[in-house]
Each structure stands twice: as C-alpha cells, then as structure tokens.
Amino acid sequence: MTVFDKVRELEEMPLLSKNEQLINGVINAIDEKILIQGSRLPSVKNMAEKINFAPKTVAKAYKNLKSKGLIESRDRLGYFVVNEDTIQVAKVALLMYAFHPFQEVFYNAFRDTLGEHIHVDVFFHHSNIDLFETILGNIKGQYGMYVIAPIPHEKTKKLLMDFSPNQLLLVDRFEDVGTKYSNITQEFEIATYKALEELKTQILQFDEIILFYKTNSDYPKEVLKAFKKFIKNENINGRIEASYISGNLKKGTIYFTIGDGDLWKILKDCQLNGWLIGKDIGVFSNNDGPVKEIICGGITTFSTDFRLMAQQAAQFVLDRRPVNKTIPTKLTRRNSL
C-alpha cells in the first residue's frame, strides 16, 4: 500500500474535490504509518502523473498540508513529513488578555485569515499570573500552535520557554524569551510620547491633562513612563489618577484613558452636563475600535493596528516562518481632541 493508493481510495467519494481527495489521502497515509515522520513525499510532478491530477492541484494540496504543519518543503530536496499528529496540527490555542473590543477585532481578523480548516480555541488570562500558569499547563501538548499574549511578570519567561519555538508566537506585548521565538507586538513608550507630542498644540488649549492609570492592572507601564516624561519635559500641567469617579468632570480638562470603563463614565457625565467634547473637555484614548470612530463625533485615539497584527499572526500559523515584528502605532485625530 502506497500514498498513491490512499489517494485513489477516495475517488469514489463525490463530495470531495480533487484537492480535498489528495489532502485526505496523504493524511490517511500518515495515520496508517505508510508515511512516517521524515518520509519524503512524491514530488509535485510525480504525484500529478501517478494519480492523474493537474500539477497545480497537487501544489495547492501540498501547500495546505504544509499550513497544517504536517509536511515541510526543503530547498531542492522536496517535501517531507514532519508531524504525524494529524488531529493536533489543525488546532490553535489563542491566549488573550480579555475580550475587549479591540481584541475582538484581533480575533475576527485572526479567524478569517486562518480559514475554516483551522480550529481555534480561545482562552483569557485577565493578566492573572496564576491563571496564566494554569492555562498554559492545561493546553501544553494539546495543540499544534500556540498564539499567546504574555503577561509582564518574572515567571512568564520560564513558562513560555517550555513551548517549542516553532509552535509558539507571542503577540501584543513583547517578552524577551530569546531569538528563537517569534513575536508580533506593539511598542508603547516611544509611541505614547510621540502621540502626546503631536497633540501638544491641542493639549496646551486646556488647563490640565489627567491620565487614568491603575498600577495593579494590565495597563502597559511604558504608557505611564511616557506620560510622566512628557508633562515634565514640556512643562504641562498634568497628573495621574487611578480611575475616574462619576460626577467629578471638570471643564478645561483633558481626560486620557487606557481602560474603556473610565472612558464611558466620562462621556456619560459630559452628556449629562450638556458639555461639548473637544471644547469644554478633551478626551484621548488608547486602543481604537469601531465604537470610538463614531461615538460623540469620534474619540481621538492612539492605537496599533490589531487587524494587521492578527492577519500576520495567522500567517505565521499557516506558513510557520519565524517572524520578529513591531506593528506601528497610529494617532487618529477625531472630534474629542
């Protein structure tokens, strides 16, 4: 019995396209140990001739098998089986902070780019290191690929290095686990300072700027560092509060929010007071999203492109090529500042 025979066995299944027939034939050959890890597959030309398929159909099927992590191509040598776990490779574990609106954008783009043949399970660690450790322990070895948003913590590096570099992609926050590991992340400190500098003219039209920052939260510490540096260097009247307390809205103030909970309370109070956003008060928010584009005439934001980050993360899952990339952060000016 050969891999050609396993492909031909599926000819009587009318619901299968030729592409699906070839993919499933190879998978069946792996499951039945006709092909094992290290086995060399027939070349595209040879496979096409033996089963009477077009070469482009064979090439497409091989590409799909490669995206599943079952085979790999080696320069001038052909295609080889690299994984015999035909069930696991099509499963991806996605570990995120929480299902915030901007992370919903990430998930939808990630899911759409992967396509229907890849199964994705989503987990949330809520920036809790104990929960993070528990989830990693539970999912390790159960998936073909792991896409993880790490927690800035002293235990994180050791936990992540238990995973194979070719199965792990770090997204959103950068965690230095060595050059063998791939990451697609955003940068906070330089981007925050640059955004504030670009808004300096507008900021100076108000009496003060308040940053709402919870030290025991998942807020990036680099944002706080950049804010402190900016108000000191530019002699701006600014201060830091843990959170916004409803009813404390003050005219002539810019409210800089990271968490959307503070933002919604500020906008509600502004509406109750009959004040104009962008005139009576200013609002500046981290992480863009569809709602911020339209609410109150638009909220000025600085944000990375989570859709682009997700698309490139999905591409890593599909082709498994090492990547080390920082997605740019963009200032989007709208009505609020």
Protein backbone atom coordinates (compact mmCIF):
# COMPACT_ATOMS: atom_id res chain seq x y z
CA MET A 1 0.00 0.00 0.00
CA THR A 2 1.39 3.41 -1.02
CA VAL A 3 0.35 7.02 -0.63
CA PHE A 4 -0.90 6.88 -4.23
CA ASP A 5 -3.25 4.04 -3.24
CA LYS A 6 -4.59 6.03 -0.28
CA VAL A 7 -5.42 8.94 -2.59
CA ARG A 8 -7.09 6.68 -5.15
CA GLU A 9 -9.23 5.09 -2.43
CA LEU A 10 -11.11 8.38 -2.10
CA GLU A 11 -12.06 8.62 -5.79
CA GLU A 12 -15.50 7.17 -5.04
CA MET A 13 -16.36 9.99 -2.66
CA PRO A 14 -18.17 12.51 -4.93
CA LEU A 15 -18.34 15.26 -2.30
CA LEU A 16 -14.57 15.57 -2.17
CA SER A 17 -12.79 17.90 -4.56
CA LYS A 18 -9.52 16.67 -6.03
CA ASN A 19 -7.66 18.98 -3.68
CA GLU A 20 -9.50 17.52 -0.67
CA GLN A 21 -9.02 13.99 -2.01
CA LEU A 22 -5.26 14.42 -2.13
CA ILE A 23 -5.06 16.13 1.29
CA ASN A 24 -7.12 13.41 2.96
CA GLY A 25 -5.24 10.68 1.13
CA VAL A 26 -1.92 11.91 2.49
CA ILE A 27 -3.42 12.31 5.99
CA ASN A 28 -4.76 8.74 5.83
CA ALA A 29 -1.33 7.52 4.72
CA ILE A 30 0.20 9.22 7.77
CA ASP A 31 -2.44 7.81 10.12
CA GLU A 32 -1.78 4.29 8.79
CA LYS A 33 2.00 4.71 9.08
CA ILE A 34 2.52 4.39 5.34
CA LEU A 35 4.19 7.77 5.73
CA ILE A 36 6.05 8.48 8.96
CA GLN A 37 7.97 11.46 10.29
CA GLY A 38 10.89 12.02 7.95
CA SER A 39 9.25 10.30 4.97
CA ARG A 40 9.75 12.04 1.66
CA LEU A 41 6.61 12.67 -0.37
CA PRO A 42 6.50 12.20 -4.13
CA SER A 43 7.42 15.36 -6.00
CA VAL A 44 4.59 17.51 -7.34
CA LYS A 45 5.29 16.24 -10.85
CA ASN A 46 5.48 12.60 -9.82
CA MET A 47 2.32 12.76 -7.71
CA ALA A 48 0.43 14.51 -10.50
CA GLU A 49 1.44 11.84 -13.03
CA LYS A 50 0.65 8.87 -10.76
CA ILE A 51 -2.86 9.97 -9.75
CA ASN A 52 -3.65 11.91 -12.94
CA PHE A 53 -4.12 15.30 -11.24
CA ALA A 54 -3.03 18.69 -12.51
CA PRO A 55 0.32 19.78 -11.01
CA LYS A 56 -1.30 22.97 -9.67
CA THR A 57 -3.83 20.86 -7.76
CA VAL A 58 -1.02 18.85 -6.17
CA ALA A 59 0.92 22.02 -5.34
CA LYS A 60 -2.18 23.52 -3.71
CA ALA A 61 -2.77 20.38 -1.62
CA TYR A 62 0.88 20.29 -0.52
CA LYS A 63 0.63 23.94 0.49
CA ASN A 64 -2.44 23.12 2.59
CA LEU A 65 -0.69 20.17 4.25
CA LYS A 66 2.24 22.46 4.95
CA SER A 67 -0.05 25.04 6.55
CA LYS A 68 -1.38 22.31 8.83
CA GLY A 69 2.16 21.62 9.95
CA LEU A 70 2.17 18.06 8.63
CA ILE A 71 4.79 18.49 5.95
CA GLU A 72 7.56 20.94 5.10
CA SER A 73 9.47 21.80 1.97
CA ARG A 74 13.25 21.69 1.91
CA ASP A 75 15.24 23.53 -0.71
CA ARG A 76 15.96 21.26 -3.71
CA LEU A 77 15.04 18.15 -1.71
CA GLY A 78 11.25 18.18 -1.87
CA TYR A 79 8.51 17.69 0.73
CA PHE A 80 8.90 15.71 3.96
CA VAL A 81 6.53 14.60 6.73
CA VAL A 82 7.38 16.49 9.91
CA ASN A 83 4.40 15.70 12.14
CA GLU A 84 2.35 12.52 12.47
CA ASP A 85 -0.30 14.03 14.77
CA THR A 86 -2.93 14.72 12.11
CA ILE A 87 -5.57 15.76 14.64
CA GLN A 88 -3.49 18.15 16.72
CA VAL A 89 -1.86 20.19 13.96
CA ALA A 90 -5.10 21.75 12.80
CA LYS A 91 -5.80 23.13 16.29
CA VAL A 92 -4.60 26.51 17.54
CA ALA A 93 -4.72 27.81 21.12
CA LEU A 94 -5.17 31.59 21.30
CA LEU A 95 -4.48 33.02 24.78
CA MET A 96 -5.51 36.67 25.17
CA TYR A 97 -5.88 39.21 27.98
CA ALA A 98 -9.67 39.57 27.86
CA PHE A 99 -12.35 40.03 25.25
CA HIS A 100 -12.02 43.80 24.95
CA PRO A 101 -13.48 45.41 21.80
CA PHE A 102 -10.04 45.85 20.20
CA GLN A 103 -9.20 42.22 20.93
CA GLU A 104 -12.46 41.21 19.31
CA VAL A 105 -11.12 42.94 16.19
CA PHE A 106 -7.95 40.85 16.56
CA TYR A 107 -9.87 37.60 16.98
CA ASN A 108 -12.16 38.16 13.99
CA ALA A 109 -9.26 39.02 11.68
CA PHE A 110 -7.23 36.07 13.02
CA ARG A 111 -10.12 33.68 12.49
CA ASP A 112 -10.92 34.98 8.99
CA THR A 113 -7.30 34.80 7.82
CA LEU A 114 -6.78 31.23 9.05
CA GLY A 115 -9.72 29.85 7.11
CA GLU A 116 -12.20 27.17 8.01
CA HIS A 117 -9.77 24.23 8.09
CA ILE A 118 -8.02 25.52 11.25
CA HIS A 119 -9.75 25.10 14.62
CA VAL A 120 -9.15 27.86 17.20
CA ASP A 121 -9.79 27.64 20.95
CA VAL A 122 -9.70 30.96 22.82
CA PHE A 123 -8.59 31.42 26.43
CA PHE A 124 -8.34 34.55 28.63
CA HIS A 125 -5.84 35.09 31.43
CA HIS A 126 -7.04 38.55 32.58
CA SER A 127 -3.43 39.47 33.46
CA ASN A 128 -3.54 36.99 36.37
CA ILE A 129 -0.23 35.14 36.53
CA ASP A 130 -1.70 32.17 38.43
CA LEU A 131 -4.47 31.78 35.86
CA PHE A 132 -1.90 32.26 33.09
CA GLU A 133 0.25 29.45 34.50
CA THR A 134 -2.76 27.15 34.94
CA ILE A 135 -3.98 27.69 31.38
CA LEU A 136 -0.51 27.08 29.92
CA GLY A 137 -0.22 23.87 31.91
CA ASN A 138 -3.61 22.67 30.68
CA ILE A 139 -3.11 23.43 26.99
CA LYS A 140 0.53 22.41 26.58
CA GLY A 141 0.83 19.46 24.23
CA GLN A 142 -2.82 19.67 23.19
CA TYR A 143 -2.41 21.97 20.18
CA GLY A 144 -0.33 22.27 17.07
CA MET A 145 0.23 26.02 17.51
CA TYR A 146 0.07 28.48 20.39
CA VAL A 147 -0.55 32.23 19.94
CA ILE A 148 -0.11 33.94 23.30
CA ALA A 149 -0.34 37.47 24.67
CA PRO A 150 2.17 37.30 27.57
CA ILE A 151 1.88 38.92 30.99
CA PRO A 152 4.77 41.16 32.11
CA HIS A 153 5.88 39.06 35.09
CA GLU A 154 9.05 37.43 36.38
CA LYS A 155 7.58 33.93 35.91
CA THR A 156 6.45 34.47 32.31
CA LYS A 157 9.72 33.78 30.50
CA LYS A 158 10.25 30.40 32.12
CA LEU A 159 6.64 29.36 31.46
CA LEU A 160 6.85 30.27 27.78
CA MET A 161 10.20 28.58 27.22
CA ASP A 162 8.52 25.24 27.95
CA PHE A 163 6.99 25.53 24.47
CA SER A 164 8.78 24.70 21.24
CA PRO A 165 9.86 27.84 19.31
CA ASN A 166 8.30 26.57 16.07
CA GLN A 167 4.92 26.19 17.80
CA LEU A 168 4.77 29.48 19.71
CA LEU A 169 4.01 33.04 18.63
CA LEU A 170 3.90 35.92 21.10
CA VAL A 171 1.54 38.78 20.27
CA ASP A 172 0.67 42.23 21.63
CA ARG A 173 3.23 42.63 24.47
CA PHE A 174 6.91 41.89 23.90
CA GLU A 175 8.51 39.30 26.15
CA ASP A 176 12.21 38.53 25.65
CA VAL A 177 12.37 34.74 25.55
CA GLY A 178 15.27 34.56 23.12
CA THR A 179 15.83 34.97 19.40
CA LYS A 180 14.48 31.53 18.52
CA TYR A 181 10.94 32.61 19.41
CA SER A 182 8.68 34.60 17.11
CA ASN A 183 6.72 37.69 18.09
CA ILE A 184 4.38 40.26 16.54
CA THR A 185 3.95 43.03 19.07
CA GLN A 186 3.33 46.71 19.66
CA GLU A 187 5.60 49.33 21.26
CA PHE A 188 4.23 51.61 23.97
CA GLU A 189 6.69 54.13 25.40
CA ILE A 190 8.03 55.83 22.26
CA ALA A 191 4.61 55.65 20.59
CA THR A 192 2.84 57.26 23.56
CA TYR A 193 5.34 60.08 23.85
CA LYS A 194 5.18 60.73 20.11
CA ALA A 195 1.36 60.86 20.15
CA LEU A 196 1.37 63.33 23.04
CA GLU A 197 3.93 65.49 21.25
CA GLU A 198 1.77 65.55 18.11
CA LEU A 199 -1.18 66.67 20.23
CA LYS A 200 0.79 69.31 22.15
CA THR A 201 -0.93 72.28 20.48
CA GLN A 202 -4.36 70.94 21.41
CA ILE A 203 -3.23 69.95 24.92
CA LEU A 204 -2.00 73.50 25.64
CA GLN A 205 -5.50 74.84 24.95
CA PHE A 206 -6.74 73.13 28.13
CA ASP A 207 -5.90 73.74 31.79
CA GLU A 208 -4.62 70.24 32.59
CA ILE A 209 -4.43 66.64 31.43
CA ILE A 210 -5.26 63.66 33.63
CA LEU A 211 -4.07 60.12 32.91
CA PHE A 212 -6.15 57.36 34.48
CA TYR A 213 -3.76 54.54 35.29
CA LYS A 214 -4.23 51.56 37.62
CA THR A 215 -0.91 50.24 38.84
CA ASN A 216 -2.31 46.79 39.65
CA SER A 217 -3.88 46.33 36.23
CA ASP A 218 -2.69 45.06 32.84
CA TYR A 219 -2.07 48.64 31.68
CA PRO A 220 1.34 48.99 29.99
CA LYS A 221 3.79 50.62 32.39
CA GLU A 222 5.50 52.25 29.41
CA VAL A 223 2.45 54.48 28.86
CA LEU A 224 2.77 55.83 32.40
CA LYS A 225 6.51 56.38 31.93
CA ALA A 226 5.97 58.28 28.67
CA PHE A 227 3.22 60.45 30.18
CA LYS A 228 5.39 61.46 33.14
CA LYS A 229 8.29 62.25 30.83
CA PHE A 230 6.10 64.32 28.51
CA ILE A 231 4.49 66.56 31.16
CA LYS A 232 7.91 67.13 32.75
CA ASN A 233 9.79 67.90 29.52
CA GLU A 234 7.04 70.13 28.10
CA ASN A 235 6.09 71.73 31.44
CA ILE A 236 2.50 70.58 31.03
CA ASN A 237 0.05 70.70 33.94
CA GLY A 238 -0.74 67.01 34.28
CA ARG A 239 -1.47 64.41 36.93
CA ILE A 240 -2.31 60.75 37.37
CA GLU A 241 -5.44 59.23 38.92
CA ALA A 242 -6.22 55.56 39.45
CA SER A 243 -9.68 55.84 37.88
CA TYR A 244 -12.42 58.30 37.03
CA ILE A 245 -15.11 58.84 39.68
CA SER A 246 -18.53 59.66 38.23
CA GLY A 247 -19.67 63.23 38.89
CA ASN A 248 -16.14 64.68 39.03
CA LEU A 249 -15.99 66.06 35.49
CA LYS A 250 -14.22 69.42 35.25
CA LYS A 251 -14.22 71.88 32.37
CA GLY A 252 -10.89 72.72 30.79
CA THR A 253 -9.51 69.25 31.43
CA ILE A 254 -8.23 66.57 29.06
CA TYR A 255 -9.02 63.02 30.15
CA PHE A 256 -6.52 60.43 28.94
CA THR A 257 -7.94 56.91 29.33
CA ILE A 258 -6.46 53.46 28.87
CA GLY A 259 -9.37 51.42 30.19
CA ASP A 260 -12.68 51.87 28.40
CA GLY A 261 -14.59 51.76 31.70
CA ASP A 262 -13.25 55.21 32.57
CA LEU A 263 -13.99 56.47 29.07
CA TRP A 264 -17.67 55.51 29.11
CA LYS A 265 -18.21 57.16 32.53
CA ILE A 266 -16.57 60.38 31.32
CA LEU A 267 -18.68 60.50 28.16
CA LYS A 268 -21.85 59.84 30.16
CA ASP A 269 -21.10 62.69 32.59
CA CYS A 270 -20.30 65.02 29.70
CA GLN A 271 -23.66 64.24 28.14
CA LEU A 272 -25.50 64.73 31.46
CA ASN A 273 -23.82 68.15 31.88
CA GLY A 274 -24.62 69.17 28.32
CA TRP A 275 -20.95 69.90 27.65
CA LEU A 276 -19.21 69.69 24.30
CA ILE A 277 -16.45 67.13 23.90
CA GLY A 278 -13.44 68.72 22.24
CA LYS A 279 -14.38 72.14 23.58
CA ASP A 280 -15.44 72.00 27.24
CA ILE A 281 -13.31 68.92 27.88
CA GLY A 282 -10.85 66.91 25.83
CA VAL A 283 -10.70 63.12 25.59
CA PHE A 284 -7.78 60.98 24.44
CA SER A 285 -7.98 57.19 24.48
CA ASN A 286 -5.71 54.20 24.00
CA ASN A 287 -6.74 51.36 21.64
CA ASP A 288 -9.04 52.23 18.78
CA GLY A 289 -12.25 50.43 17.90
CA PRO A 290 -15.40 50.77 15.77
CA VAL A 291 -17.39 52.48 18.54
CA LYS A 292 -14.72 55.14 19.11
CA GLU A 293 -14.89 56.08 15.45
CA ILE A 294 -18.46 57.34 15.78
CA ILE A 295 -19.43 57.98 19.42
CA CYS A 296 -19.65 61.69 20.38
CA GLY A 297 -18.42 62.64 16.92
CA GLY A 298 -15.34 60.44 17.28
CA ILE A 299 -12.74 59.86 20.00
CA THR A 300 -9.10 60.73 19.36
CA THR A 301 -7.02 57.59 19.86
CA PHE A 302 -3.56 56.17 19.55
CA SER A 303 -3.54 52.51 18.74
CA THR A 304 -1.74 49.74 16.97
CA ASP A 305 -3.45 48.06 14.02
CA PHE A 306 -4.90 44.97 15.69
CA ARG A 307 -6.35 43.73 12.41
CA LEU A 308 -2.90 43.77 10.78
CA MET A 309 -1.35 42.15 13.85
CA ALA A 310 -3.94 39.36 13.69
CA GLN A 311 -3.52 38.79 9.96
CA GLN A 312 0.24 38.44 10.34
CA ALA A 313 -0.19 36.18 13.36
CA ALA A 314 -2.47 33.93 11.32
CA GLN A 315 0.08 33.89 8.51
CA PHE A 316 2.69 32.63 10.97
CA VAL A 317 0.34 29.78 11.89
CA LEU A 318 -0.16 28.95 8.22
CA ASP A 319 3.42 29.05 6.97
CA ARG A 320 5.43 28.75 10.25
CA ARG A 321 8.10 31.16 9.10
CA PRO A 322 9.96 32.86 12.00
CA VAL A 323 8.92 36.47 12.49
CA ASN A 324 10.01 39.34 14.71
CA LYS A 325 7.92 42.40 14.02
CA THR A 326 6.60 45.52 15.73
CA ILE A 327 3.27 46.75 14.38
CA PRO A 328 3.31 50.59 14.19
CA THR A 329 1.11 52.67 16.48
CA LYS A 330 -1.03 55.32 14.83
CA LEU A 331 -2.51 58.55 16.19
CA THR A 332 -6.06 59.08 14.87
CA ARG A 333 -7.36 62.63 15.39
CA ARG A 334 -11.10 63.00 15.86
CA ASN A 335 -13.58 65.38 17.45
CA SER A 336 -12.64 64.78 21.10
CA LEU A 337 -9.20 66.46 20.99
